[in-house]
Amino acid sequence: MSRRVLLASGPATGGLRTHLEALARGLPARGWEVAVAAPASLSLRVETTRLPMEVGDRAAPLAAARACGQLRR
């Protein structure tokens, strides 16, 4: 059974998006099943499972935690 990881991100551009893509691309080779939870507007240049997660573009840890919690439902 593979290990699973959820990469959660708000709106991301530049270096943050590049890092997210690198993780989504590299982790499967190390035995991880990857899913990305992020706003639908986030464009990634890697094939992976996507889950819609709408969060604002400002740091709001409680709102982000609530959005992640909604993914379990």
C-alpha atoms as a PDB file:
ATOM      1  CA  MET A   1       0.000   0.000   0.000  1.00  0.00           C
ATOM      2  CA  SER A   2       1.398   3.383  -0.952  1.00  0.00           C
ATOM      3  CA  ARG A   3       1.619   6.277   1.430  1.00  0.00           C
ATOM      4  CA  ARG A   4      -0.659   9.202   0.673  1.00  0.00           C
ATOM      5  CA  VAL A   5      -0.005  12.910   1.006  1.00  0.00           C
ATOM      6  CA  LEU A   6      -2.211  15.928   0.415  1.00  0.00           C
ATOM      7  CA  LEU A   7      -0.428  19.059  -0.734  1.00  0.00           C
ATOM      8  CA  ALA A   8      -2.679  21.988   0.214  1.00  0.00           C
ATOM      9  CA  SER A   9      -2.115  25.420  -1.255  1.00  0.00           C
ATOM     10  CA  GLY A  10      -3.813  28.733  -1.611  1.00  0.00           C
ATOM     11  CA  PRO A  11      -3.276  30.885  -4.686  1.00  0.00           C
ATOM     12  CA  ALA A  12       0.326  30.318  -5.760  1.00  0.00           C
ATOM     13  CA  THR A  13       2.576  31.881  -8.362  1.00  0.00           C
ATOM     14  CA  GLY A  14       6.260  31.856  -9.170  1.00  0.00           C
ATOM     15  CA  GLY A  15       8.478  29.982  -6.736  1.00  0.00           C
ATOM     16  CA  LEU A  16       5.690  28.584  -4.592  1.00  0.00           C
ATOM     17  CA  ARG A  17       3.914  27.064  -7.597  1.00  0.00           C
ATOM     18  CA  THR A  18       7.231  25.693  -8.918  1.00  0.00           C
ATOM     19  CA  HIS A  19       7.922  24.054  -5.537  1.00  0.00           C
ATOM     20  CA  LEU A  20       4.415  22.571  -5.405  1.00  0.00           C
ATOM     21  CA  GLU A  21       4.882  21.130  -8.905  1.00  0.00           C
ATOM     22  CA  ALA A  22       8.276  19.684  -7.967  1.00  0.00           C
ATOM     23  CA  LEU A  23       6.772  17.917  -4.943  1.00  0.00           C
ATOM     24  CA  ALA A  24       3.797  16.597  -6.947  1.00  0.00           C
ATOM     25  CA  ARG A  25       6.184  15.333  -9.626  1.00  0.00           C
ATOM     26  CA  GLY A  26       8.875  13.855  -7.354  1.00  0.00           C
ATOM     27  CA  LEU A  27       6.989  12.244  -4.476  1.00  0.00           C
ATOM     28  CA  PRO A  28       5.370   9.418  -6.514  1.00  0.00           C
ATOM     29  CA  ALA A  29       8.849   8.132  -7.419  1.00  0.00           C
ATOM     30  CA  ARG A  30       9.453   7.754  -3.692  1.00  0.00           C
ATOM     31  CA  GLY A  31       6.303   5.729  -3.057  1.00  0.00           C
ATOM     32  CA  TRP A  32       3.833   8.513  -2.301  1.00  0.00           C
ATOM     33  CA  GLU A  33       0.373   8.882  -3.780  1.00  0.00           C
ATOM     34  CA  VAL A  34      -0.080  12.650  -4.211  1.00  0.00           C
ATOM     35  CA  ALA A  35      -3.184  14.831  -4.323  1.00  0.00           C
ATOM     36  CA  VAL A  36      -3.212  18.618  -4.542  1.00  0.00           C
ATOM     37  CA  ALA A  37      -5.924  20.692  -2.854  1.00  0.00           C
ATOM     38  CA  ALA A  38      -5.914  24.223  -4.206  1.00  0.00           C
ATOM     39  CA  PRO A  39      -8.123  26.848  -5.822  1.00  0.00           C
ATOM     40  CA  ALA A  40      -9.408  25.793  -9.238  1.00  0.00           C
ATOM     41  CA  SER A  41      -7.649  28.837 -10.675  1.00  0.00           C
ATOM     42  CA  LEU A  42      -4.223  27.407  -9.727  1.00  0.00           C
ATOM     43  CA  SER A  43      -2.652  26.120 -12.913  1.00  0.00           C
ATOM     44  CA  LEU A  44      -0.152  23.282 -12.443  1.00  0.00           C
ATOM     45  CA  ARG A  45       2.101  21.801 -15.097  1.00  0.00           C
ATOM     46  CA  VAL A  46       1.968  18.288 -13.635  1.00  0.00           C
ATOM     47  CA  GLU A  47      -0.645  15.519 -13.785  1.00  0.00           C
ATOM     48  CA  THR A  48      -1.968  14.730 -10.322  1.00  0.00           C
ATOM     49  CA  THR A  49      -5.226  14.244  -8.457  1.00  0.00           C
ATOM     50  CA  ARG A  50      -6.797  17.661  -7.857  1.00  0.00           C
ATOM     51  CA  LEU A  51      -9.275  18.592  -5.140  1.00  0.00           C
ATOM     52  CA  PRO A  52     -10.954  21.993  -5.184  1.00  0.00           C
ATOM     53  CA  MET A  53     -10.211  24.082  -2.108  1.00  0.00           C
ATOM     54  CA  GLU A  54     -11.088  27.753  -2.116  1.00  0.00           C
ATOM     55  CA  VAL A  55      -9.106  29.897   0.295  1.00  0.00           C
ATOM     56  CA  GLY A  56      -8.371  33.591   0.235  1.00  0.00           C
ATOM     57  CA  ASP A  57      -5.147  35.143  -0.940  1.00  0.00           C
ATOM     58  CA  ARG A  58      -4.202  36.401   2.540  1.00  0.00           C
ATOM     59  CA  ALA A  59      -2.708  34.319   5.331  1.00  0.00           C
ATOM     60  CA  ALA A  60      -5.642  33.011   7.390  1.00  0.00           C
ATOM     61  CA  PRO A  61      -4.635  29.820   9.225  1.00  0.00           C
ATOM     62  CA  LEU A  62      -8.074  29.105  10.710  1.00  0.00           C
ATOM     63  CA  ALA A  63      -9.843  29.520   7.385  1.00  0.00           C
ATOM     64  CA  ALA A  64      -7.253  27.277   5.724  1.00  0.00           C
ATOM     65  CA  ALA A  65      -7.696  24.637   8.440  1.00  0.00           C
ATOM     66  CA  ARG A  66     -11.478  24.748   7.941  1.00  0.00           C
ATOM     67  CA  ALA A  67     -11.058  24.388   4.161  1.00  0.00           C
ATOM     68  CA  CYS A  68      -8.792  21.359   4.658  1.00  0.00           C
ATOM     69  CA  GLY A  69     -11.297  19.874   7.090  1.00  0.00           C
ATOM     70  CA  GLN A  70     -14.010  20.142   4.452  1.00  0.00           C
ATOM     71  CA  LEU A  71     -11.967  17.856   2.194  1.00  0.00           C
ATOM     72  CA  ARG A  72     -12.575  14.920   4.537  1.00  0.00           C
ATOM     73  CA  ARG A  73     -16.305  15.163   4.005  1.00  0.00           C
END
